[in-house]
Amino acid sequence: MSTSDTRHYDVIVSPVITEKATMASEFNKVTFKVRRNATKPQIKEAVEKLFDVKVKSVNTLVRQGKIKAFKNKLGQQSDVKRAIVTLEEGHRIDVTTGL
């Protein structure tokens, strides 16, 4: 792993481990929570450098925060940006292990 640039750790916040993300891993796709202002080229570079893999494509989406009630008080969850990264054939990322 070549982690000479610490900017890459600021782009990727955490991996997303859900049922849908686990099913997508069968098709060489990995889902990450990313910084709100991160661009697709920044995400691609960060994943390639941190995990030493080759990225085929990056798709992003922003999930708007929901309004939730807790003990009669309303609060709003923050918006979350996610990146679905498709890897080239032969490359894998195991998100269950630490970095």
PDB file of N, CA and C in Angstrom:
ATOM      1  N   MET A   1       0.831  -1.179   0.000  1.00  0.00           N
ATOM      2  CA  MET A   1       0.000   0.000   0.000  1.00  0.00           C
ATOM      3  C   MET A   1       0.872   1.237   0.000  1.00  0.00           C
ATOM      4  N   SER A   2       0.597   2.150  -0.915  1.00  0.00           N
ATOM      5  CA  SER A   2       1.335   3.392  -0.945  1.00  0.00           C
ATOM      6  C   SER A   2       0.441   4.495  -0.404  1.00  0.00           C
ATOM      7  N   THR A   3       0.636   4.861   0.849  1.00  0.00           N
ATOM      8  CA  THR A   3      -0.194   5.869   1.493  1.00  0.00           C
ATOM      9  C   THR A   3       0.642   7.090   1.814  1.00  0.00           C
ATOM     10  N   SER A   4       1.345   7.602   0.818  1.00  0.00           N
ATOM     11  CA  SER A   4       2.223   8.728   1.055  1.00  0.00           C
ATOM     12  C   SER A   4       1.466  10.033   1.215  1.00  0.00           C
ATOM     13  N   ASP A   5       0.230  10.117   0.722  1.00  0.00           N
ATOM     14  CA  ASP A   5      -0.538  11.355   0.776  1.00  0.00           C
ATOM     15  C   ASP A   5      -1.695  11.192   1.754  1.00  0.00           C
ATOM     16  N   THR A   6      -1.731  12.013   2.792  1.00  0.00           N
ATOM     17  CA  THR A   6      -2.771  11.879   3.812  1.00  0.00           C
ATOM     18  C   THR A   6      -4.093  12.501   3.376  1.00  0.00           C
ATOM     19  N   ARG A   7      -4.121  13.216   2.243  1.00  0.00           N
ATOM     20  CA  ARG A   7      -5.384  13.776   1.742  1.00  0.00           C
ATOM     21  C   ARG A   7      -6.393  12.685   1.430  1.00  0.00           C
ATOM     22  N   HIS A   8      -5.912  11.523   1.043  1.00  0.00           N
ATOM     23  CA  HIS A   8      -6.815  10.434   0.662  1.00  0.00           C
ATOM     24  C   HIS A   8      -7.646   9.955   1.844  1.00  0.00           C
ATOM     25  N   TYR A   9      -7.101  10.061   3.043  1.00  0.00           N
ATOM     26  CA  TYR A   9      -7.858   9.662   4.229  1.00  0.00           C
ATOM     27  C   TYR A   9      -8.982  10.652   4.520  1.00  0.00           C
ATOM     28  N   ASP A  10      -8.859  11.899   4.041  1.00  0.00           N
ATOM     29  CA  ASP A  10      -9.911  12.887   4.245  1.00  0.00           C
ATOM     30  C   ASP A  10     -11.064  12.709   3.264  1.00  0.00           C
ATOM     31  N   VAL A  11     -10.812  12.126   2.110  1.00  0.00           N
ATOM     32  CA  VAL A  11     -11.853  11.953   1.095  1.00  0.00           C
ATOM     33  C   VAL A  11     -12.804  10.834   1.493  1.00  0.00           C
ATOM     34  N   ILE A  12     -12.265   9.688   1.880  1.00  0.00           N
ATOM     35  CA  ILE A  12     -13.093   8.531   2.241  1.00  0.00           C
ATOM     36  C   ILE A  12     -13.326   8.546   3.747  1.00  0.00           C
ATOM     37  N   VAL A  13     -14.600   8.583   4.133  1.00  0.00           N
ATOM     38  CA  VAL A  13     -14.935   8.634   5.553  1.00  0.00           C
ATOM     39  C   VAL A  13     -14.986   7.231   6.140  1.00  0.00           C
ATOM     40  N   SER A  14     -15.771   6.336   5.509  1.00  0.00           N
ATOM     41  CA  SER A  14     -15.894   4.976   6.026  1.00  0.00           C
ATOM     42  C   SER A  14     -16.541   4.089   4.963  1.00  0.00           C
ATOM     43  N   PRO A  15     -16.353   2.779   5.079  1.00  0.00           N
ATOM     44  CA  PRO A  15     -17.083   1.881   4.181  1.00  0.00           C
ATOM     45  C   PRO A  15     -18.532   1.737   4.644  1.00  0.00           C
ATOM     46  N   VAL A  16     -19.413   1.479   3.712  1.00  0.00           N
ATOM     47  CA  VAL A  16     -20.821   1.248   4.031  1.00  0.00           C
ATOM     48  C   VAL A  16     -21.036  -0.255   4.040  1.00  0.00           C
ATOM     49  N   ILE A  17     -21.491  -0.780   5.177  1.00  0.00           N
ATOM     50  CA  ILE A  17     -21.729  -2.212   5.299  1.00  0.00           C
ATOM     51  C   ILE A  17     -23.221  -2.411   5.559  1.00  0.00           C
ATOM     52  N   THR A  18     -23.950  -2.593   4.465  1.00  0.00           N
ATOM     53  CA  THR A  18     -25.384  -2.861   4.533  1.00  0.00           C
ATOM     54  C   THR A  18     -25.663  -4.098   3.697  1.00  0.00           C
ATOM     55  N   GLU A  19     -26.892  -4.556   3.742  1.00  0.00           N
ATOM     56  CA  GLU A  19     -27.253  -5.735   2.961  1.00  0.00           C
ATOM     57  C   GLU A  19     -27.113  -5.456   1.462  1.00  0.00           C
ATOM     58  N   LYS A  20     -27.543  -4.269   1.046  1.00  0.00           N
ATOM     59  CA  LYS A  20     -27.474  -3.902  -0.366  1.00  0.00           C
ATOM     60  C   LYS A  20     -26.017  -3.762  -0.821  1.00  0.00           C
ATOM     61  N   ALA A  21     -25.170  -3.170   0.016  1.00  0.00           N
ATOM     62  CA  ALA A  21     -23.760  -3.013  -0.337  1.00  0.00           C
ATOM     63  C   ALA A  21     -23.049  -4.366  -0.381  1.00  0.00           C
ATOM     64  N   THR A  22     -23.453  -5.284   0.474  1.00  0.00           N
ATOM     65  CA  THR A  22     -22.858  -6.616   0.481  1.00  0.00           C
ATOM     66  C   THR A  22     -23.250  -7.388  -0.776  1.00  0.00           C
ATOM     67  N   MET A  23     -24.489  -7.233  -1.219  1.00  0.00           N
ATOM     68  CA  MET A  23     -24.920  -7.902  -2.447  1.00  0.00           C
ATOM     69  C   MET A  23     -24.200  -7.316  -3.665  1.00  0.00           C
ATOM     70  N   ALA A  24     -23.907  -6.028  -3.641  1.00  0.00           N
ATOM     71  CA  ALA A  24     -23.202  -5.392  -4.762  1.00  0.00           C
ATOM     72  C   ALA A  24     -21.750  -5.837  -4.834  1.00  0.00           C
ATOM     73  N   SER A  25     -21.197  -6.302  -3.720  1.00  0.00           N
ATOM     74  CA  SER A  25     -19.795  -6.738  -3.722  1.00  0.00           C
ATOM     75  C   SER A  25     -19.594  -7.982  -4.587  1.00  0.00           C
ATOM     76  N   GLU A  26     -20.665  -8.711  -4.872  1.00  0.00           N
ATOM     77  CA  GLU A  26     -20.566  -9.861  -5.769  1.00  0.00           C
ATOM     78  C   GLU A  26     -20.269  -9.424  -7.201  1.00  0.00           C
ATOM     79  N   PHE A  27     -20.592  -8.167  -7.522  1.00  0.00           N
ATOM     80  CA  PHE A  27     -20.367  -7.626  -8.862  1.00  0.00           C
ATOM     81  C   PHE A  27     -19.178  -6.669  -8.887  1.00  0.00           C
ATOM     82  N   ASN A  28     -18.234  -6.859  -7.955  1.00  0.00           N
ATOM     83  CA  ASN A  28     -17.007  -6.053  -7.872  1.00  0.00           C
ATOM     84  C   ASN A  28     -17.300  -4.587  -7.574  1.00  0.00           C
ATOM     85  N   LYS A  29     -18.296  -4.305  -6.735  1.00  0.00           N
ATOM     86  CA  LYS A  29     -18.634  -2.937  -6.355  1.00  0.00           C
ATOM     87  C   LYS A  29     -18.489  -2.789  -4.846  1.00  0.00           C
ATOM     88  N   VAL A  30     -17.908  -1.655  -4.438  1.00  0.00           N
ATOM     89  CA  VAL A  30     -17.710  -1.357  -3.025  1.00  0.00           C
ATOM     90  C   VAL A  30     -18.305   0.018  -2.759  1.00  0.00           C
ATOM     91  N   THR A  31     -19.009   0.172  -1.634  1.00  0.00           N
ATOM     92  CA  THR A  31     -19.661   1.434  -1.306  1.00  0.00           C
ATOM     93  C   THR A  31     -18.949   2.097  -0.134  1.00  0.00           C
ATOM     94  N   PHE A  32     -18.688   3.410  -0.269  1.00  0.00           N
ATOM     95  CA  PHE A  32     -18.019   4.184   0.767  1.00  0.00           C
ATOM     96  C   PHE A  32     -18.830   5.434   1.078  1.00  0.00           C
ATOM     97  N   LYS A  33     -18.801   5.873   2.351  1.00  0.00           N
ATOM     98  CA  LYS A  33     -19.245   7.215   2.688  1.00  0.00           C
ATOM     99  C   LYS A  33     -18.071   8.123   2.383  1.00  0.00           C
ATOM    100  N   VAL A  34     -18.340   9.225   1.696  1.00  0.00           N
ATOM    101  CA  VAL A  34     -17.268  10.137   1.319  1.00  0.00           C
ATOM    102  C   VAL A  34     -17.607  11.546   1.787  1.00  0.00           C
ATOM    103  N   ARG A  35     -16.595  12.407   1.724  1.00  0.00           N
ATOM    104  CA  ARG A  35     -16.783  13.802   2.102  1.00  0.00           C
ATOM    105  C   ARG A  35     -17.792  14.443   1.164  1.00  0.00           C
ATOM    106  N   ARG A  36     -18.569  15.382   1.662  1.00  0.00           N
ATOM    107  CA  ARG A  36     -19.667  15.972   0.905  1.00  0.00           C
ATOM    108  C   ARG A  36     -19.186  16.691  -0.352  1.00  0.00           C
ATOM    109  N   ASN A  37     -17.997  17.291  -0.318  1.00  0.00           N
ATOM    110  CA  ASN A  37     -17.514  18.048  -1.472  1.00  0.00           C
ATOM    111  C   ASN A  37     -16.467  17.275  -2.281  1.00  0.00           C
ATOM    112  N   ALA A  38     -16.386  15.959  -2.102  1.00  0.00           N
ATOM    113  CA  ALA A  38     -15.420  15.143  -2.849  1.00  0.00           C
ATOM    114  C   ALA A  38     -15.932  14.918  -4.270  1.00  0.00           C
ATOM    115  N   THR A  39     -15.016  14.998  -5.228  1.00  0.00           N
ATOM    116  CA  THR A  39     -15.378  14.775  -6.627  1.00  0.00           C
ATOM    117  C   THR A  39     -15.055  13.337  -7.018  1.00  0.00           C
ATOM    118  N   LYS A  40     -15.591  12.906  -8.154  1.00  0.00           N
ATOM    119  CA  LYS A  40     -15.346  11.546  -8.622  1.00  0.00           C
ATOM    120  C   LYS A  40     -13.865  11.273  -8.878  1.00  0.00           C
ATOM    121  N   PRO A  41     -13.112  12.180  -9.509  1.00  0.00           N
ATOM    122  CA  PRO A  41     -11.673  11.918  -9.685  1.00  0.00           C
ATOM    123  C   PRO A  41     -10.916  11.816  -8.356  1.00  0.00           C
ATOM    124  N   GLN A  42     -11.302  12.622  -7.363  1.00  0.00           N
ATOM    125  CA  GLN A  42     -10.662  12.529  -6.046  1.00  0.00           C
ATOM    126  C   GLN A  42     -10.963  11.193  -5.385  1.00  0.00           C
ATOM    127  N   ILE A  43     -12.202  10.735  -5.498  1.00  0.00           N
ATOM    128  CA  ILE A  43     -12.590   9.457  -4.900  1.00  0.00           C
ATOM    129  C   ILE A  43     -11.839   8.318  -5.580  1.00  0.00           C
ATOM    130  N   LYS A  44     -11.764   8.362  -6.906  1.00  0.00           N
ATOM    131  CA  LYS A  44     -11.059   7.326  -7.655  1.00  0.00           C
ATOM    132  C   LYS A  44      -9.595   7.263  -7.254  1.00  0.00           C
ATOM    133  N   GLU A  45      -8.948   8.414  -7.174  1.00  0.00           N
ATOM    134  CA  GLU A  45      -7.527   8.454  -6.798  1.00  0.00           C
ATOM    135  C   GLU A  45      -7.317   7.937  -5.377  1.00  0.00           C
ATOM    136  N   ALA A  46      -8.201   8.330  -4.461  1.00  0.00           N
ATOM    137  CA  ALA A  46      -8.062   7.908  -3.070  1.00  0.00           C
ATOM    138  C   ALA A  46      -8.207   6.399  -2.927  1.00  0.00           C
ATOM    139  N   VAL A  47      -9.194   5.813  -3.600  1.00  0.00           N
ATOM    140  CA  VAL A  47      -9.403   4.363  -3.502  1.00  0.00           C
ATOM    141  C   VAL A  47      -8.228   3.616  -4.117  1.00  0.00           C
ATOM    142  N   GLU A  48      -7.744   4.084  -5.271  1.00  0.00           N
ATOM    143  CA  GLU A  48      -6.614   3.411  -5.918  1.00  0.00           C
ATOM    144  C   GLU A  48      -5.353   3.471  -5.069  1.00  0.00           C
ATOM    145  N   LYS A  49      -5.092   4.604  -4.433  1.00  0.00           N
ATOM    146  CA  LYS A  49      -3.866   4.746  -3.638  1.00  0.00           C
ATOM    147  C   LYS A  49      -3.968   4.009  -2.301  1.00  0.00           C
ATOM    148  N   LEU A  50      -5.127   4.117  -1.624  1.00  0.00           N
ATOM    149  CA  LEU A  50      -5.251   3.522  -0.293  1.00  0.00           C
ATOM    150  C   LEU A  50      -5.341   1.998  -0.325  1.00  0.00           C
ATOM    151  N   PHE A  51      -6.051   1.455  -1.312  1.00  0.00           N
ATOM    152  CA  PHE A  51      -6.291   0.015  -1.337  1.00  0.00           C
ATOM    153  C   PHE A  51      -5.475  -0.711  -2.387  1.00  0.00           C
ATOM    154  N   ASP A  52      -4.702   0.017  -3.183  1.00  0.00           N
ATOM    155  CA  ASP A  52      -3.824  -0.558  -4.203  1.00  0.00           C
ATOM    156  C   ASP A  52      -4.619  -1.432  -5.179  1.00  0.00           C
ATOM    157  N   VAL A  53      -5.697  -0.849  -5.723  1.00  0.00           N
ATOM    158  CA  VAL A  53      -6.549  -1.529  -6.691  1.00  0.00           C
ATOM    159  C   VAL A  53      -6.729  -0.620  -7.905  1.00  0.00           C
ATOM    160  N   LYS A  54      -7.323  -1.159  -8.965  1.00  0.00           N
ATOM    161  CA  LYS A  54      -7.626  -0.390 -10.170  1.00  0.00           C
ATOM    162  C   LYS A  54      -9.132  -0.164 -10.225  1.00  0.00           C
ATOM    163  N   VAL A  55      -9.546   1.119 -10.321  1.00  0.00           N
ATOM    164  CA  VAL A  55     -10.959   1.486 -10.319  1.00  0.00           C
ATOM    165  C   VAL A  55     -11.453   1.643 -11.747  1.00  0.00           C
ATOM    166  N   LYS A  56     -12.588   1.007 -12.036  1.00  0.00           N
ATOM    167  CA  LYS A  56     -13.194   1.110 -13.363  1.00  0.00           C
ATOM    168  C   LYS A  56     -14.078   2.349 -13.456  1.00  0.00           C
ATOM    169  N   SER A  57     -14.968   2.562 -12.463  1.00  0.00           N
ATOM    170  CA  SER A  57     -15.858   3.725 -12.477  1.00  0.00           C
ATOM    171  C   SER A  57     -16.286   4.082 -11.061  1.00  0.00           C
ATOM    172  N   VAL A  58     -16.778   5.325 -10.915  1.00  0.00           N
ATOM    173  CA  VAL A  58     -17.265   5.820  -9.634  1.00  0.00           C
ATOM    174  C   VAL A  58     -18.628   6.459  -9.864  1.00  0.00           C
ATOM    175  N   ASN A  59     -19.618   6.029  -9.102  1.00  0.00           N
ATOM    176  CA  ASN A  59     -20.945   6.649  -9.110  1.00  0.00           C
ATOM    177  C   ASN A  59     -21.200   7.220  -7.727  1.00  0.00           C
ATOM    178  N   THR A  60     -21.766   8.427  -7.660  1.00  0.00           N
ATOM    179  CA  THR A  60     -22.010   9.060  -6.367  1.00  0.00           C
ATOM    180  C   THR A  60     -23.497   9.366  -6.213  1.00  0.00           C
ATOM    181  N   LEU A  61     -23.919   9.473  -4.953  1.00  0.00           N
ATOM    182  CA  LEU A  61     -25.279   9.874  -4.636  1.00  0.00           C
ATOM    183  C   LEU A  61     -25.267  10.574  -3.289  1.00  0.00           C
ATOM    184  N   VAL A  62     -26.225  11.480  -3.120  1.00  0.00           N
ATOM    185  CA  VAL A  62     -26.359  12.196  -1.854  1.00  0.00           C
ATOM    186  C   VAL A  62     -27.704  11.826  -1.255  1.00  0.00           C
ATOM    187  N   ARG A  63     -27.666  11.214  -0.072  1.00  0.00           N
ATOM    188  CA  ARG A  63     -28.901  10.874   0.624  1.00  0.00           C
ATOM    189  C   ARG A  63     -29.264  12.041   1.529  1.00  0.00           C
ATOM    190  N   GLN A  64     -30.415  12.629   1.308  1.00  0.00           N
ATOM    191  CA  GLN A  64     -30.853  13.765   2.111  1.00  0.00           C
ATOM    192  C   GLN A  64     -31.196  13.289   3.521  1.00  0.00           C
ATOM    193  N   GLY A  65     -30.835  14.086   4.519  1.00  0.00           N
ATOM    194  CA  GLY A  65     -31.090  13.735   5.911  1.00  0.00           C
ATOM    195  C   GLY A  65     -32.579  13.738   6.221  1.00  0.00           C
ATOM    196  N   LYS A  66     -32.999  12.760   6.999  1.00  0.00           N
ATOM    197  CA  LYS A  66     -34.407  12.624   7.342  1.00  0.00           C
ATOM    198  C   LYS A  66     -34.708  13.401   8.620  1.00  0.00           C
ATOM    199  N   ILE A  67     -35.964  13.807   8.769  1.00  0.00           N
ATOM    200  CA  ILE A  67     -36.407  14.434  10.013  1.00  0.00           C
ATOM    201  C   ILE A  67     -36.960  13.328  10.891  1.00  0.00           C
ATOM    202  N   LYS A  68     -36.419  13.199  12.089  1.00  0.00           N
ATOM    203  CA  LYS A  68     -36.818  12.140  13.013  1.00  0.00           C
ATOM    204  C   LYS A  68     -37.298  12.764  14.319  1.00  0.00           C
ATOM    205  N   ALA A  69     -38.217  12.089  14.980  1.00  0.00           N
ATOM    206  CA  ALA A  69     -38.701  12.529  16.287  1.00  0.00           C
ATOM    207  C   ALA A  69     -38.172  11.582  17.348  1.00  0.00           C
ATOM    208  N   PHE A  70     -37.672  12.159  18.421  1.00  0.00           N
ATOM    209  CA  PHE A  70     -37.185  11.369  19.548  1.00  0.00           C
ATOM    210  C   PHE A  70     -37.641  12.055  20.821  1.00  0.00           C
ATOM    211  N   LYS A  71     -38.494  11.385  21.577  1.00  0.00           N
ATOM    212  CA  LYS A  71     -39.062  11.925  22.813  1.00  0.00           C
ATOM    213  C   LYS A  71     -39.700  13.296  22.584  1.00  0.00           C
ATOM    214  N   ASN A  72     -40.557  13.368  21.571  1.00  0.00           N
ATOM    215  CA  ASN A  72     -41.298  14.582  21.218  1.00  0.00           C
ATOM    216  C   ASN A  72     -40.415  15.750  20.793  1.00  0.00           C
ATOM    217  N   LYS A  73     -39.197  15.498  20.412  1.00  0.00           N
ATOM    218  CA  LYS A  73     -38.334  16.559  19.889  1.00  0.00           C
ATOM    219  C   LYS A  73     -37.944  16.186  18.471  1.00  0.00           C
ATOM    220  N   LEU A  74     -38.048  17.137  17.571  1.00  0.00           N
ATOM    221  CA  LEU A  74     -37.682  16.890  16.192  1.00  0.00           C
ATOM    222  C   LEU A  74     -36.198  17.179  15.991  1.00  0.00           C
ATOM    223  N   GLY A  75     -35.581  16.345  15.217  1.00  0.00           N
ATOM    224  CA  GLY A  75     -34.186  16.554  14.860  1.00  0.00           C
ATOM    225  C   GLY A  75     -33.993  16.126  13.422  1.00  0.00           C
ATOM    226  N   GLN A  76     -32.915  16.592  12.812  1.00  0.00           N
ATOM    227  CA  GLN A  76     -32.652  16.229  11.428  1.00  0.00           C
ATOM    228  C   GLN A  76     -31.309  15.538  11.324  1.00  0.00           C
ATOM    229  N   GLN A  77     -31.328  14.402  10.628  1.00  0.00           N
ATOM    230  CA  GLN A  77     -30.078  13.710  10.350  1.00  0.00           C
ATOM    231  C   GLN A  77     -29.319  14.491   9.288  1.00  0.00           C
ATOM    232  N   SER A  78     -28.007  14.379   9.297  1.00  0.00           N
ATOM    233  CA  SER A  78     -27.212  15.105   8.316  1.00  0.00           C
ATOM    234  C   SER A  78     -27.236  14.386   6.972  1.00  0.00           C
ATOM    235  N   ASP A  79     -26.999  15.154   5.899  1.00  0.00           N
ATOM    236  CA  ASP A  79     -26.923  14.585   4.559  1.00  0.00           C
ATOM    237  C   ASP A  79     -25.662  13.738   4.446  1.00  0.00           C
ATOM    238  N   VAL A  80     -25.745  12.656   3.671  1.00  0.00           N
ATOM    239  CA  VAL A  80     -24.617  11.740   3.524  1.00  0.00           C
ATOM    240  C   VAL A  80     -24.353  11.524   2.041  1.00  0.00           C
ATOM    241  N   LYS A  81     -23.103  11.668   1.636  1.00  0.00           N
ATOM    242  CA  LYS A  81     -22.721  11.385   0.252  1.00  0.00           C
ATOM    243  C   LYS A  81     -22.066  10.016   0.222  1.00  0.00           C
ATOM    244  N   ARG A  82     -22.490   9.189  -0.729  1.00  0.00           N
ATOM    245  CA  ARG A  82     -21.935   7.849  -0.877  1.00  0.00           C
ATOM    246  C   ARG A  82     -21.343   7.699  -2.266  1.00  0.00           C
ATOM    247  N   ALA A  83     -20.324   6.876  -2.356  1.00  0.00           N
ATOM    248  CA  ALA A  83     -19.698   6.578  -3.638  1.00  0.00           C
ATOM    249  C   ALA A  83     -19.731   5.073  -3.841  1.00  0.00           C
ATOM    250  N   ILE A  84     -20.255   4.652  -4.979  1.00  0.00           N
ATOM    251  CA  ILE A  84     -20.248   3.246  -5.350  1.00  0.00           C
ATOM    252  C   ILE A  84     -19.121   3.071  -6.359  1.00  0.00           C
ATOM    253  N   VAL A  85     -18.086   2.367  -5.945  1.00  0.00           N
ATOM    254  CA  VAL A  85     -16.867   2.224  -6.733  1.00  0.00           C
ATOM    255  C   VAL A  85     -16.867   0.851  -7.387  1.00  0.00           C
ATOM    256  N   THR A  86     -16.776   0.818  -8.714  1.00  0.00           N
ATOM    257  CA  THR A  86     -16.683  -0.434  -9.458  1.00  0.00           C
ATOM    258  C   THR A  86     -15.217  -0.706  -9.740  1.00  0.00           C
ATOM    259  N   LEU A  87     -14.756  -1.903  -9.367  1.00  0.00           N
ATOM    260  CA  LEU A  87     -13.352  -2.271  -9.530  1.00  0.00           C
ATOM    261  C   LEU A  87     -13.146  -3.069 -10.803  1.00  0.00           C
ATOM    262  N   GLU A  88     -11.926  -3.015 -11.333  1.00  0.00           N
ATOM    263  CA  GLU A  88     -11.572  -3.804 -12.505  1.00  0.00           C
ATOM    264  C   GLU A  88     -11.588  -5.286 -12.140  1.00  0.00           C
ATOM    265  N   GLU A  89     -11.689  -6.139 -13.152  1.00  0.00           N
ATOM    266  CA  GLU A  89     -11.670  -7.584 -12.925  1.00  0.00           C
ATOM    267  C   GLU A  89     -10.358  -7.996 -12.255  1.00  0.00           C
ATOM    268  N   GLY A  90     -10.453  -8.881 -11.290  1.00  0.00           N
ATOM    269  CA  GLY A  90      -9.272  -9.375 -10.602  1.00  0.00           C
ATOM    270  C   GLY A  90      -8.876  -8.588  -9.372  1.00  0.00           C
ATOM    271  N   HIS A  91      -9.503  -7.437  -9.120  1.00  0.00           N
ATOM    272  CA  HIS A  91      -9.204  -6.618  -7.941  1.00  0.00           C
ATOM    273  C   HIS A  91     -10.344  -6.750  -6.936  1.00  0.00           C
ATOM    274  N   ARG A  92      -9.969  -6.792  -5.656  1.00  0.00           N
ATOM    275  CA  ARG A  92     -10.971  -6.899  -4.587  1.00  0.00           C
ATOM    276  C   ARG A  92     -10.561  -6.037  -3.423  1.00  0.00           C
ATOM    277  N   ILE A  93     -11.551  -5.569  -2.663  1.00  0.00           N
ATOM    278  CA  ILE A  93     -11.334  -4.850  -1.411  1.00  0.00           C
ATOM    279  C   ILE A  93     -12.136  -5.561  -0.345  1.00  0.00           C
ATOM    280  N   ASP A  94     -11.483  -5.952   0.735  1.00  0.00           N
ATOM    281  CA  ASP A  94     -12.173  -6.562   1.865  1.00  0.00           C
ATOM    282  C   ASP A  94     -12.396  -5.468   2.903  1.00  0.00           C
ATOM    283  N   VAL A  95     -13.622  -4.936   2.991  1.00  0.00           N
ATOM    284  CA  VAL A  95     -13.892  -3.813   3.882  1.00  0.00           C
ATOM    285  C   VAL A  95     -13.993  -4.237   5.332  1.00  0.00           C
ATOM    286  N   THR A  96     -14.039  -5.535   5.610  1.00  0.00           N
ATOM    287  CA  THR A  96     -14.147  -5.975   7.000  1.00  0.00           C
ATOM    288  C   THR A  96     -12.816  -5.874   7.734  1.00  0.00           C
ATOM    289  N   THR A  97     -11.716  -5.826   6.990  1.00  0.00           N
ATOM    290  CA  THR A  97     -10.413  -5.662   7.635  1.00  0.00           C
ATOM    291  C   THR A  97     -10.091  -4.179   7.760  1.00  0.00           C
ATOM    292  N   GLY A  98      -9.323  -3.829   8.754  1.00  0.00           N
ATOM    293  CA  GLY A  98      -8.939  -2.444   8.948  1.00  0.00           C
ATOM    294  C   GLY A  98      -7.917  -1.994   7.919  1.00  0.00           C
ATOM    295  N   LEU A  99      -7.752  -0.702   7.820  1.00  0.00           N
ATOM    296  CA  LEU A  99      -6.803  -0.151   6.852  1.00  0.00           C
ATOM    297  C   LEU A  99      -5.481   0.116   7.508  1.00  0.00           C
TER     298      LEU A  99
END
